[in-house]
Amino acid sequence: MRPRWLSPAAALAAALLAGCAAPASLGSDELACRAGDDGEPARGVVLMAQAVPSASWLPCLDAVPLGWRLAEVEVRDGSGGFWLDSDRDGVRAIEARLTEACNTRGATEIPSDREGLRRLELVTQVHPQYVGTRFYVFDGGCLAMVFRLDGDYRAEPLAVATESIDVVRRADVAAHVHEESGGRLHLDGPAAEDGAP
């Protein structure tokens, strides 16, 4: 029997391939980097993988701190994203979006806090809101985290982006899909040995 977190991915596959928007109402546990007792990625992470099939890394959520909540998830062909609301920094204070590539013009590269991912920063406004984007660039994809912060204290929301929004390897997600389905499902389509073109 297929694990329950795979079912929504299979149901949305046709919509993703057809290029239809697929807004998803998922709780923060549905984007968890390690969900359940065996630590497999949650179903929302599988949807992100299907949305951007070139991405070697996929966004996910670790523990979301008090005062923050997952507001909305949107998955469509070529893009997957989610928003975090803050009780001090406002609605959609942070947006995280996975795409195949990002326009990083004007951004400054700084030492990355994540091995295998390049990190760039761009601040576009300081007052009255603090607005900027942090980019993580990697093979086949880019994760852009946009900040629109209303509060005066910026260290906490920036720490949320650094610590709560994480990434997992696509290869690990693919392995979980294959293993947990008993070899019947493949994240990136039928295996070559099944006679797929």
N, C-alpha and C. Protein backbone atom coordinates (compact mmCIF):
# COMPACT_ATOMS: atom_id res chain seq x y z
N MET A 1 0.85 -1.19 0.00
CA MET A 1 0.00 0.00 0.00
C MET A 1 0.88 1.24 0.00
N ARG A 2 0.53 2.24 -0.80
CA ARG A 2 1.34 3.45 -0.89
C ARG A 2 1.21 4.27 0.37
N PRO A 3 2.31 4.91 0.82
CA PRO A 3 2.22 5.80 1.98
C PRO A 3 1.27 6.95 1.68
N ARG A 4 0.59 7.46 2.70
CA ARG A 4 -0.42 8.50 2.49
C ARG A 4 0.18 9.77 1.91
N TRP A 5 1.47 10.06 2.23
CA TRP A 5 2.04 11.32 1.75
C TRP A 5 2.39 11.27 0.27
N LEU A 6 2.34 10.11 -0.34
CA LEU A 6 2.58 10.03 -1.77
C LEU A 6 1.31 10.27 -2.58
N SER A 7 0.16 9.99 -2.00
CA SER A 7 -1.08 10.08 -2.76
C SER A 7 -1.33 11.46 -3.35
N PRO A 8 -1.18 12.57 -2.60
CA PRO A 8 -1.41 13.88 -3.21
C PRO A 8 -0.44 14.17 -4.34
N ALA A 9 0.77 13.69 -4.24
CA ALA A 9 1.74 13.91 -5.32
C ALA A 9 1.27 13.23 -6.59
N ALA A 10 0.79 12.02 -6.47
CA ALA A 10 0.31 11.31 -7.65
C ALA A 10 -0.93 11.99 -8.23
N ALA A 11 -1.80 12.48 -7.36
CA ALA A 11 -3.03 13.12 -7.83
C ALA A 11 -2.73 14.43 -8.56
N LEU A 12 -1.68 15.13 -8.15
CA LEU A 12 -1.38 16.43 -8.76
C LEU A 12 -0.43 16.33 -9.94
N ALA A 13 0.10 15.16 -10.20
CA ALA A 13 1.09 15.04 -11.28
C ALA A 13 0.53 15.50 -12.62
N ALA A 14 -0.69 15.13 -12.94
CA ALA A 14 -1.28 15.53 -14.22
C ALA A 14 -1.44 17.03 -14.31
N ALA A 15 -1.85 17.67 -13.20
CA ALA A 15 -2.02 19.12 -13.19
C ALA A 15 -0.68 19.82 -13.38
N LEU A 16 0.35 19.30 -12.74
CA LEU A 16 1.67 19.92 -12.86
C LEU A 16 2.18 19.80 -14.29
N LEU A 17 2.04 18.63 -14.88
CA LEU A 17 2.53 18.42 -16.24
C LEU A 17 1.74 19.24 -17.25
N ALA A 18 0.49 19.52 -16.92
CA ALA A 18 -0.35 20.30 -17.82
C ALA A 18 -0.11 21.80 -17.66
N GLY A 19 0.70 22.18 -16.66
CA GLY A 19 1.00 23.59 -16.46
C GLY A 19 -0.06 24.33 -15.69
N CYS A 20 -0.92 23.61 -14.97
CA CYS A 20 -1.98 24.27 -14.20
C CYS A 20 -1.47 24.65 -12.82
N ALA A 21 -1.99 25.76 -12.31
CA ALA A 21 -1.66 26.14 -10.95
C ALA A 21 -2.28 25.14 -10.00
N ALA A 22 -1.57 24.87 -8.92
CA ALA A 22 -2.09 23.93 -7.94
C ALA A 22 -1.84 24.48 -6.54
N PRO A 23 -2.58 25.54 -6.12
CA PRO A 23 -2.42 26.02 -4.77
C PRO A 23 -2.75 24.89 -3.80
N ALA A 24 -1.99 24.76 -2.75
CA ALA A 24 -2.19 23.67 -1.82
C ALA A 24 -2.42 24.20 -0.41
N SER A 25 -3.39 23.61 0.28
CA SER A 25 -3.63 23.97 1.67
C SER A 25 -2.93 22.93 2.53
N LEU A 26 -1.70 23.21 2.89
CA LEU A 26 -0.90 22.27 3.64
C LEU A 26 -0.47 22.90 4.95
N GLY A 27 -0.48 22.12 6.03
CA GLY A 27 0.06 22.59 7.30
C GLY A 27 1.58 22.56 7.24
N SER A 28 2.22 23.20 8.23
CA SER A 28 3.69 23.26 8.22
C SER A 28 4.30 21.87 8.28
N ASP A 29 3.58 20.89 8.88
CA ASP A 29 4.10 19.53 8.92
C ASP A 29 4.12 18.90 7.54
N GLU A 30 3.34 19.43 6.60
CA GLU A 30 3.31 18.88 5.24
C GLU A 30 4.45 19.39 4.37
N LEU A 31 5.27 20.28 4.91
CA LEU A 31 6.50 20.70 4.23
C LEU A 31 7.72 20.34 5.07
N ALA A 32 7.51 19.47 6.04
CA ALA A 32 8.59 19.11 6.96
C ALA A 32 9.74 18.41 6.23
N CYS A 33 10.95 18.79 6.62
CA CYS A 33 12.13 18.14 6.04
C CYS A 33 12.18 16.66 6.42
N ARG A 34 11.78 16.36 7.64
CA ARG A 34 11.79 14.99 8.14
C ARG A 34 10.47 14.76 8.86
N ALA A 35 9.51 14.13 8.19
CA ALA A 35 8.19 13.87 8.76
C ALA A 35 8.08 12.41 9.17
N GLY A 36 7.28 12.15 10.18
CA GLY A 36 7.03 10.77 10.58
C GLY A 36 8.20 10.16 11.34
N ASP A 37 8.00 8.92 11.75
CA ASP A 37 9.00 8.24 12.57
C ASP A 37 10.27 7.90 11.81
N ASP A 38 10.15 7.64 10.50
CA ASP A 38 11.33 7.24 9.75
C ASP A 38 12.03 8.41 9.07
N GLY A 39 11.54 9.62 9.30
CA GLY A 39 12.25 10.80 8.82
C GLY A 39 12.14 11.08 7.33
N GLU A 40 11.12 10.54 6.66
CA GLU A 40 10.99 10.79 5.23
C GLU A 40 10.50 12.22 5.00
N PRO A 41 10.80 12.81 3.84
CA PRO A 41 10.30 14.15 3.54
C PRO A 41 8.78 14.12 3.38
N ALA A 42 8.12 15.21 3.79
CA ALA A 42 6.66 15.28 3.73
C ALA A 42 6.17 15.44 2.29
N ARG A 43 4.87 15.28 2.11
CA ARG A 43 4.29 15.27 0.76
C ARG A 43 4.48 16.59 0.03
N GLY A 44 4.48 17.71 0.76
CA GLY A 44 4.69 19.00 0.11
C GLY A 44 6.04 19.10 -0.55
N VAL A 45 7.03 18.45 0.03
CA VAL A 45 8.38 18.45 -0.55
C VAL A 45 8.38 17.65 -1.85
N VAL A 46 7.60 16.57 -1.89
CA VAL A 46 7.47 15.78 -3.12
C VAL A 46 6.82 16.62 -4.21
N LEU A 47 5.82 17.42 -3.85
CA LEU A 47 5.17 18.29 -4.83
C LEU A 47 6.15 19.32 -5.38
N MET A 48 6.99 19.87 -4.50
CA MET A 48 8.01 20.83 -4.97
C MET A 48 8.93 20.16 -5.98
N ALA A 49 9.30 18.92 -5.70
CA ALA A 49 10.18 18.19 -6.61
C ALA A 49 9.53 17.99 -7.97
N GLN A 50 8.24 17.70 -7.99
CA GLN A 50 7.54 17.52 -9.25
C GLN A 50 7.41 18.83 -10.01
N ALA A 51 7.26 19.93 -9.28
CA ALA A 51 7.07 21.23 -9.91
C ALA A 51 8.33 21.70 -10.64
N VAL A 52 9.50 21.42 -10.05
CA VAL A 52 10.76 21.86 -10.64
C VAL A 52 11.65 20.62 -10.80
N PRO A 53 11.45 19.85 -11.86
CA PRO A 53 12.15 18.57 -12.00
C PRO A 53 13.65 18.68 -12.18
N SER A 54 14.17 19.86 -12.47
CA SER A 54 15.62 20.03 -12.64
C SER A 54 16.34 20.26 -11.31
N ALA A 55 15.61 20.64 -10.27
CA ALA A 55 16.22 21.08 -9.01
C ALA A 55 16.88 19.93 -8.26
N SER A 56 18.16 20.10 -7.94
CA SER A 56 18.89 19.08 -7.19
C SER A 56 18.68 19.21 -5.68
N TRP A 57 18.15 20.36 -5.24
CA TRP A 57 17.80 20.59 -3.84
C TRP A 57 16.37 21.08 -3.77
N LEU A 58 15.67 20.77 -2.67
CA LEU A 58 14.26 21.11 -2.52
C LEU A 58 14.03 21.78 -1.17
N PRO A 59 13.20 22.84 -1.14
CA PRO A 59 12.96 23.53 0.13
C PRO A 59 12.04 22.73 1.04
N CYS A 60 12.24 22.91 2.33
CA CYS A 60 11.41 22.25 3.33
C CYS A 60 11.46 23.09 4.60
N LEU A 61 10.66 22.72 5.59
CA LEU A 61 10.61 23.46 6.85
C LEU A 61 11.07 22.59 8.01
N ASP A 62 11.97 23.16 8.81
CA ASP A 62 12.26 22.59 10.11
C ASP A 62 11.28 23.25 11.08
N ALA A 63 11.52 23.18 12.37
CA ALA A 63 10.59 23.74 13.35
C ALA A 63 10.37 25.23 13.10
N VAL A 64 9.10 25.62 13.01
CA VAL A 64 8.74 27.03 12.85
C VAL A 64 8.56 27.63 14.25
N PRO A 65 9.28 28.69 14.57
CA PRO A 65 9.25 29.23 15.94
C PRO A 65 7.93 29.91 16.28
N LEU A 66 7.70 30.15 17.56
CA LEU A 66 6.51 30.85 18.03
C LEU A 66 6.43 32.22 17.37
N GLY A 67 5.23 32.60 17.01
CA GLY A 67 5.03 33.89 16.37
C GLY A 67 5.05 33.81 14.85
N TRP A 68 5.42 32.66 14.33
CA TRP A 68 5.47 32.46 12.88
C TRP A 68 4.54 31.31 12.52
N ARG A 69 3.99 31.37 11.30
CA ARG A 69 3.15 30.26 10.83
C ARG A 69 3.21 30.19 9.31
N LEU A 70 3.04 28.97 8.81
CA LEU A 70 2.95 28.77 7.36
C LEU A 70 1.60 29.30 6.90
N ALA A 71 1.62 30.30 6.01
CA ALA A 71 0.39 30.95 5.59
C ALA A 71 -0.23 30.29 4.37
N GLU A 72 0.59 29.94 3.39
CA GLU A 72 0.06 29.42 2.14
C GLU A 72 1.16 28.70 1.38
N VAL A 73 0.77 27.70 0.61
CA VAL A 73 1.68 26.97 -0.26
C VAL A 73 1.11 27.02 -1.67
N GLU A 74 1.96 27.29 -2.65
CA GLU A 74 1.52 27.32 -4.05
C GLU A 74 2.51 26.51 -4.88
N VAL A 75 1.99 25.51 -5.57
CA VAL A 75 2.81 24.66 -6.42
C VAL A 75 2.22 24.69 -7.83
N ARG A 76 3.05 25.04 -8.80
CA ARG A 76 2.60 25.05 -10.19
C ARG A 76 3.76 24.57 -11.06
N ASP A 77 3.47 24.28 -12.31
CA ASP A 77 4.49 23.81 -13.23
C ASP A 77 5.62 24.82 -13.31
N GLY A 78 6.82 24.41 -12.90
CA GLY A 78 7.99 25.28 -12.98
C GLY A 78 8.28 26.09 -11.74
N SER A 79 7.43 26.00 -10.72
CA SER A 79 7.62 26.83 -9.53
C SER A 79 6.91 26.23 -8.33
N GLY A 80 7.53 26.32 -7.18
CA GLY A 80 6.90 25.92 -5.93
C GLY A 80 7.29 26.91 -4.86
N GLY A 81 6.31 27.39 -4.09
CA GLY A 81 6.64 28.38 -3.08
C GLY A 81 5.72 28.32 -1.88
N PHE A 82 6.13 29.02 -0.83
CA PHE A 82 5.29 29.13 0.36
C PHE A 82 5.61 30.44 1.07
N TRP A 83 4.66 30.87 1.90
CA TRP A 83 4.78 32.12 2.64
C TRP A 83 4.68 31.87 4.13
N LEU A 84 5.45 32.64 4.90
CA LEU A 84 5.39 32.60 6.36
C LEU A 84 4.87 33.94 6.86
N ASP A 85 3.86 33.89 7.73
CA ASP A 85 3.35 35.09 8.40
C ASP A 85 4.03 35.22 9.76
N SER A 86 4.16 36.47 10.20
CA SER A 86 4.75 36.76 11.51
C SER A 86 3.81 37.65 12.30
N ASP A 87 3.69 37.40 13.61
CA ASP A 87 2.83 38.25 14.43
C ASP A 87 3.46 39.63 14.68
N ARG A 88 4.76 39.77 14.38
CA ARG A 88 5.41 41.08 14.54
C ARG A 88 5.82 41.70 13.22
N ASP A 89 6.12 40.88 12.23
CA ASP A 89 6.63 41.41 10.96
C ASP A 89 5.61 41.37 9.84
N GLY A 90 4.41 40.93 10.12
CA GLY A 90 3.34 41.06 9.15
C GLY A 90 3.02 39.82 8.34
N VAL A 91 1.99 39.98 7.51
CA VAL A 91 1.51 38.92 6.64
C VAL A 91 2.51 38.71 5.50
N ARG A 92 2.77 37.43 5.20
CA ARG A 92 3.72 37.07 4.14
C ARG A 92 5.06 37.78 4.32
N ALA A 93 5.54 37.77 5.54
CA ALA A 93 6.81 38.43 5.85
C ALA A 93 7.97 37.77 5.11
N ILE A 94 7.88 36.46 4.90
CA ILE A 94 8.90 35.74 4.15
C ILE A 94 8.23 34.87 3.09
N GLU A 95 8.73 34.99 1.88
CA GLU A 95 8.30 34.09 0.80
C GLU A 95 9.51 33.28 0.36
N ALA A 96 9.34 31.97 0.26
CA ALA A 96 10.38 31.09 -0.27
C ALA A 96 9.87 30.51 -1.57
N ARG A 97 10.67 30.64 -2.66
CA ARG A 97 10.21 30.16 -3.96
C ARG A 97 11.32 29.39 -4.68
N LEU A 98 10.98 28.19 -5.11
CA LEU A 98 11.89 27.34 -5.87
C LEU A 98 11.57 27.47 -7.35
N THR A 99 12.58 27.77 -8.15
CA THR A 99 12.46 27.83 -9.61
C THR A 99 13.71 27.22 -10.22
N GLU A 100 13.69 27.06 -11.53
CA GLU A 100 14.85 26.50 -12.22
C GLU A 100 16.02 27.48 -12.21
N ALA A 101 15.73 28.79 -12.25
CA ALA A 101 16.78 29.82 -12.26
C ALA A 101 16.23 31.10 -11.66
N CYS A 102 17.12 31.97 -11.19
CA CYS A 102 16.76 33.26 -10.61
C CYS A 102 17.53 34.38 -11.30
N ASN A 103 16.95 35.54 -11.33
CA ASN A 103 17.67 36.73 -11.76
C ASN A 103 18.35 37.32 -10.53
N THR A 104 19.64 37.15 -10.42
CA THR A 104 20.39 37.62 -9.25
C THR A 104 21.15 38.91 -9.54
N ARG A 105 20.78 39.61 -10.59
CA ARG A 105 21.46 40.85 -10.94
C ARG A 105 21.41 41.84 -9.76
N GLY A 106 22.55 42.39 -9.42
CA GLY A 106 22.64 43.35 -8.33
C GLY A 106 22.88 42.72 -6.97
N ALA A 107 22.75 41.40 -6.88
CA ALA A 107 22.97 40.72 -5.60
C ALA A 107 24.45 40.51 -5.35
N THR A 108 24.81 40.45 -4.08
CA THR A 108 26.19 40.25 -3.67
C THR A 108 26.37 38.83 -3.15
N GLU A 109 27.38 38.14 -3.67
CA GLU A 109 27.65 36.78 -3.18
C GLU A 109 28.39 36.85 -1.86
N ILE A 110 27.94 36.07 -0.90
CA ILE A 110 28.57 36.01 0.41
C ILE A 110 28.82 34.53 0.74
N PRO A 111 29.69 34.27 1.72
CA PRO A 111 29.95 32.87 2.08
C PRO A 111 28.64 32.15 2.43
N SER A 112 28.46 30.97 1.87
CA SER A 112 27.21 30.24 2.07
C SER A 112 27.22 29.49 3.39
N ASP A 113 26.04 29.41 4.00
CA ASP A 113 25.85 28.63 5.21
C ASP A 113 25.36 27.21 4.89
N ARG A 114 25.31 26.88 3.58
CA ARG A 114 24.85 25.56 3.16
C ARG A 114 25.80 24.99 2.12
N GLU A 115 26.37 23.86 2.44
CA GLU A 115 27.36 23.24 1.55
C GLU A 115 26.72 22.85 0.22
N GLY A 116 27.39 23.22 -0.87
CA GLY A 116 26.91 22.87 -2.19
C GLY A 116 25.97 23.88 -2.81
N LEU A 117 25.63 24.94 -2.06
CA LEU A 117 24.73 25.98 -2.54
C LEU A 117 25.43 27.33 -2.46
N ARG A 118 25.38 28.12 -3.55
CA ARG A 118 25.89 29.49 -3.53
C ARG A 118 24.84 30.39 -2.89
N ARG A 119 25.30 31.37 -2.12
CA ARG A 119 24.37 32.29 -1.45
C ARG A 119 24.64 33.72 -1.89
N LEU A 120 23.57 34.42 -2.27
CA LEU A 120 23.67 35.82 -2.67
C LEU A 120 22.60 36.61 -1.92
N GLU A 121 22.90 37.89 -1.66
CA GLU A 121 21.96 38.75 -0.92
C GLU A 121 21.72 40.04 -1.70
N LEU A 122 20.47 40.51 -1.65
CA LEU A 122 20.09 41.76 -2.30
C LEU A 122 19.08 42.48 -1.42
N VAL A 123 19.43 43.70 -0.98
CA VAL A 123 18.51 44.53 -0.19
C VAL A 123 18.01 45.63 -1.11
N THR A 124 16.68 45.75 -1.22
CA THR A 124 16.09 46.74 -2.13
C THR A 124 15.41 47.89 -1.40
N GLN A 125 15.15 47.73 -0.10
CA GLN A 125 14.52 48.80 0.67
C GLN A 125 14.86 48.62 2.13
N VAL A 126 15.09 49.74 2.82
CA VAL A 126 15.42 49.69 4.24
C VAL A 126 14.29 50.25 5.10
N HIS A 127 13.66 51.36 4.67
CA HIS A 127 12.55 51.97 5.41
C HIS A 127 11.41 52.29 4.47
N PRO A 128 10.16 52.22 4.87
CA PRO A 128 9.67 51.84 6.20
C PRO A 128 9.71 50.33 6.44
N GLN A 129 9.74 49.55 5.37
CA GLN A 129 9.91 48.11 5.49
C GLN A 129 11.34 47.75 5.13
N TYR A 130 11.79 46.62 5.68
CA TYR A 130 13.06 46.05 5.24
C TYR A 130 12.72 45.00 4.20
N VAL A 131 13.16 45.23 2.96
CA VAL A 131 12.81 44.34 1.85
C VAL A 131 14.10 43.87 1.19
N GLY A 132 14.20 42.59 0.99
CA GLY A 132 15.39 42.04 0.34
C GLY A 132 15.16 40.60 -0.06
N THR A 133 16.13 40.05 -0.74
CA THR A 133 16.04 38.66 -1.20
C THR A 133 17.35 37.95 -0.92
N ARG A 134 17.23 36.76 -0.40
CA ARG A 134 18.38 35.86 -0.25
C ARG A 134 18.21 34.75 -1.27
N PHE A 135 19.24 34.55 -2.07
CA PHE A 135 19.22 33.51 -3.11
C PHE A 135 20.15 32.36 -2.72
N TYR A 136 19.68 31.16 -2.93
CA TYR A 136 20.53 29.98 -2.88
C TYR A 136 20.50 29.36 -4.27
N VAL A 137 21.64 29.32 -4.93
CA VAL A 137 21.73 28.84 -6.31
C VAL A 137 22.48 27.51 -6.32
N PHE A 138 21.97 26.56 -7.09
CA PHE A 138 22.54 25.21 -7.11
C PHE A 138 22.22 24.56 -8.44
N ASP A 139 22.72 23.35 -8.65
CA ASP A 139 22.50 22.64 -9.92
C ASP A 139 21.02 22.49 -10.20
N GLY A 140 20.58 23.06 -11.32
CA GLY A 140 19.21 22.88 -11.77
C GLY A 140 18.17 23.71 -11.06
N GLY A 141 18.58 24.62 -10.18
CA GLY A 141 17.54 25.37 -9.48
C GLY A 141 18.05 26.54 -8.67
N CYS A 142 17.09 27.28 -8.13
CA CYS A 142 17.37 28.43 -7.29
C CYS A 142 16.25 28.55 -6.26
N LEU A 143 16.62 28.78 -5.02
CA LEU A 143 15.67 29.05 -3.96
C LEU A 143 15.82 30.52 -3.58
N ALA A 144 14.77 31.31 -3.80
CA ALA A 144 14.78 32.73 -3.46
C ALA A 144 13.90 32.94 -2.24
N MET A 145 14.45 33.60 -1.23
CA MET A 145 13.68 33.94 -0.03
C MET A 145 13.55 35.45 0.04
N VAL A 146 12.32 35.93 -0.14
CA VAL A 146 12.05 37.36 -0.16
C VAL A 146 11.55 37.78 1.22
N PHE A 147 12.16 38.84 1.77
CA PHE A 147 11.78 39.37 3.08
C PHE A 147 11.02 40.67 2.89
N ARG A 148 9.87 40.80 3.57
CA ARG A 148 9.13 42.06 3.64
C ARG A 148 8.79 42.25 5.11
N LEU A 149 9.70 42.87 5.85
CA LEU A 149 9.62 42.90 7.30
C LEU A 149 9.15 44.26 7.80
N ASP A 150 8.08 44.25 8.63
CA ASP A 150 7.54 45.48 9.19
C ASP A 150 8.17 45.84 10.52
N GLY A 151 8.65 44.86 11.26
CA GLY A 151 9.19 45.12 12.60
C GLY A 151 10.55 45.79 12.57
N ASP A 152 10.92 46.35 13.74
CA ASP A 152 12.22 47.03 13.86
C ASP A 152 13.36 46.06 14.11
N TYR A 153 13.04 44.90 14.69
CA TYR A 153 14.07 43.93 15.03
C TYR A 153 14.18 42.91 13.92
N ARG A 154 15.26 42.96 13.14
CA ARG A 154 15.36 42.14 11.93
C ARG A 154 16.12 40.84 12.13
N ALA A 155 16.86 40.72 13.21
CA ALA A 155 17.69 39.53 13.39
C ALA A 155 16.84 38.27 13.48
N GLU A 156 15.69 38.33 14.16
CA GLU A 156 14.87 37.13 14.33
C GLU A 156 14.31 36.61 13.01
N PRO A 157 13.64 37.46 12.20
CA PRO A 157 13.13 36.92 10.94
C PRO A 157 14.22 36.42 10.00
N LEU A 158 15.37 37.07 10.02
CA LEU A 158 16.46 36.57 9.18
C LEU A 158 16.96 35.23 9.69
N ALA A 159 16.93 35.05 11.01
CA ALA A 159 17.30 33.76 11.59
C ALA A 159 16.28 32.69 11.22
N VAL A 160 15.00 33.07 11.14
CA VAL A 160 13.96 32.12 10.74
C VAL A 160 14.27 31.56 9.36
N ALA A 161 14.66 32.46 8.45
CA ALA A 161 14.97 32.02 7.09
C ALA A 161 16.18 31.10 7.08
N THR A 162 17.16 31.40 7.91
CA THR A 162 18.38 30.61 7.95
C THR A 162 18.16 29.26 8.60
N GLU A 163 17.38 29.23 9.67
CA GLU A 163 17.27 28.02 10.48
C GLU A 163 16.01 27.20 10.19
N SER A 164 14.91 27.85 9.89
CA SER A 164 13.64 27.13 9.72
C SER A 164 13.41 26.67 8.29
N ILE A 165 13.83 27.48 7.31
CA ILE A 165 13.69 27.08 5.91
C ILE A 165 14.97 26.36 5.51
N ASP A 166 14.84 25.08 5.26
CA ASP A 166 16.01 24.26 4.97
C ASP A 166 15.86 23.66 3.57
N VAL A 167 16.79 22.82 3.20
CA VAL A 167 16.74 22.12 1.92
C VAL A 167 17.10 20.65 2.12
N VAL A 168 16.55 19.81 1.24
CA VAL A 168 16.91 18.39 1.22
C VAL A 168 17.32 18.03 -0.20
N ARG A 169 18.15 17.02 -0.32
CA ARG A 169 18.61 16.59 -1.63
C ARG A 169 17.48 15.90 -2.40
N ARG A 170 17.37 16.26 -3.67
CA ARG A 170 16.38 15.60 -4.54
C ARG A 170 16.61 14.09 -4.57
N ALA A 171 17.87 13.69 -4.62
CA ALA A 171 18.18 12.26 -4.68
C ALA A 171 17.63 11.51 -3.47
N ASP A 172 17.65 12.16 -2.30
CA ASP A 172 17.11 11.51 -1.10
C ASP A 172 15.59 11.39 -1.16
N VAL A 173 14.93 12.44 -1.67
CA VAL A 173 13.47 12.39 -1.83
C VAL A 173 13.10 11.30 -2.84
N ALA A 174 13.82 11.23 -3.94
CA ALA A 174 13.55 10.21 -4.95
C ALA A 174 13.72 8.81 -4.37
N ALA A 175 14.75 8.63 -3.56
CA ALA A 175 14.98 7.32 -2.95
C ALA A 175 13.85 6.94 -2.01
N HIS A 176 13.32 7.90 -1.24
CA HIS A 176 12.20 7.62 -0.34
C HIS A 176 10.95 7.23 -1.13
N VAL A 177 10.66 7.97 -2.21
CA VAL A 177 9.48 7.66 -3.02
C VAL A 177 9.58 6.24 -3.56
N HIS A 178 10.75 5.90 -4.09
CA HIS A 178 10.95 4.57 -4.66
C HIS A 178 10.85 3.48 -3.60
N GLU A 179 11.52 3.69 -2.47
CA GLU A 179 11.57 2.67 -1.42
C GLU A 179 10.21 2.48 -0.76
N GLU A 180 9.55 3.59 -0.39
CA GLU A 180 8.29 3.49 0.34
C GLU A 180 7.14 2.98 -0.52
N SER A 181 7.29 3.05 -1.84
CA SER A 181 6.24 2.52 -2.72
C SER A 181 6.56 1.10 -3.17
N GLY A 182 7.60 0.51 -2.61
CA GLY A 182 7.98 -0.83 -3.02
C GLY A 182 8.47 -0.89 -4.45
N GLY A 183 9.05 0.22 -4.92
CA GLY A 183 9.59 0.27 -6.26
C GLY A 183 8.57 0.60 -7.35
N ARG A 184 7.30 0.87 -6.95
CA ARG A 184 6.25 1.13 -7.95
C ARG A 184 6.25 2.57 -8.43
N LEU A 185 6.71 3.50 -7.59
CA LEU A 185 6.67 4.92 -7.95
C LEU A 185 8.08 5.47 -8.11
N HIS A 186 8.22 6.40 -9.04
CA HIS A 186 9.49 7.06 -9.30
C HIS A 186 9.24 8.56 -9.35
N LEU A 187 9.98 9.31 -8.57
CA LEU A 187 9.77 10.75 -8.49
C LEU A 187 9.83 11.42 -9.85
N ASP A 188 10.74 10.98 -10.69
CA ASP A 188 10.95 11.63 -11.99
C ASP A 188 10.44 10.79 -13.15
N GLY A 189 9.38 10.04 -12.92
CA GLY A 189 8.80 9.25 -14.00
C GLY A 189 9.24 7.81 -13.95
N PRO A 190 8.72 6.99 -14.85
CA PRO A 190 9.05 5.56 -14.87
C PRO A 190 10.55 5.33 -15.06
N ALA A 191 11.03 4.31 -14.40
CA ALA A 191 12.45 3.96 -14.54
C ALA A 191 12.72 3.46 -15.94
N ALA A 192 13.96 3.63 -16.38
CA ALA A 192 14.34 3.21 -17.73
C ALA A 192 14.13 1.73 -17.94
N GLU A 193 14.34 0.95 -16.87
CA GLU A 193 14.20 -0.48 -17.03
C GLU A 193 12.75 -0.92 -17.21
N ASP A 194 11.79 0.01 -16.95
CA ASP A 194 10.40 -0.32 -17.14
C ASP A 194 10.00 -0.17 -18.62
N GLY A 195 10.94 0.23 -19.47
CA GLY A 195 10.64 0.39 -20.88
C GLY A 195 10.09 1.75 -21.23
N ALA A 196 10.27 2.73 -20.30
CA ALA A 196 9.78 4.08 -20.58
C ALA A 196 10.66 4.73 -21.63
N PRO A 197 10.08 5.56 -22.48
CA PRO A 197 10.88 6.24 -23.51
C PRO A 197 11.78 7.28 -22.89
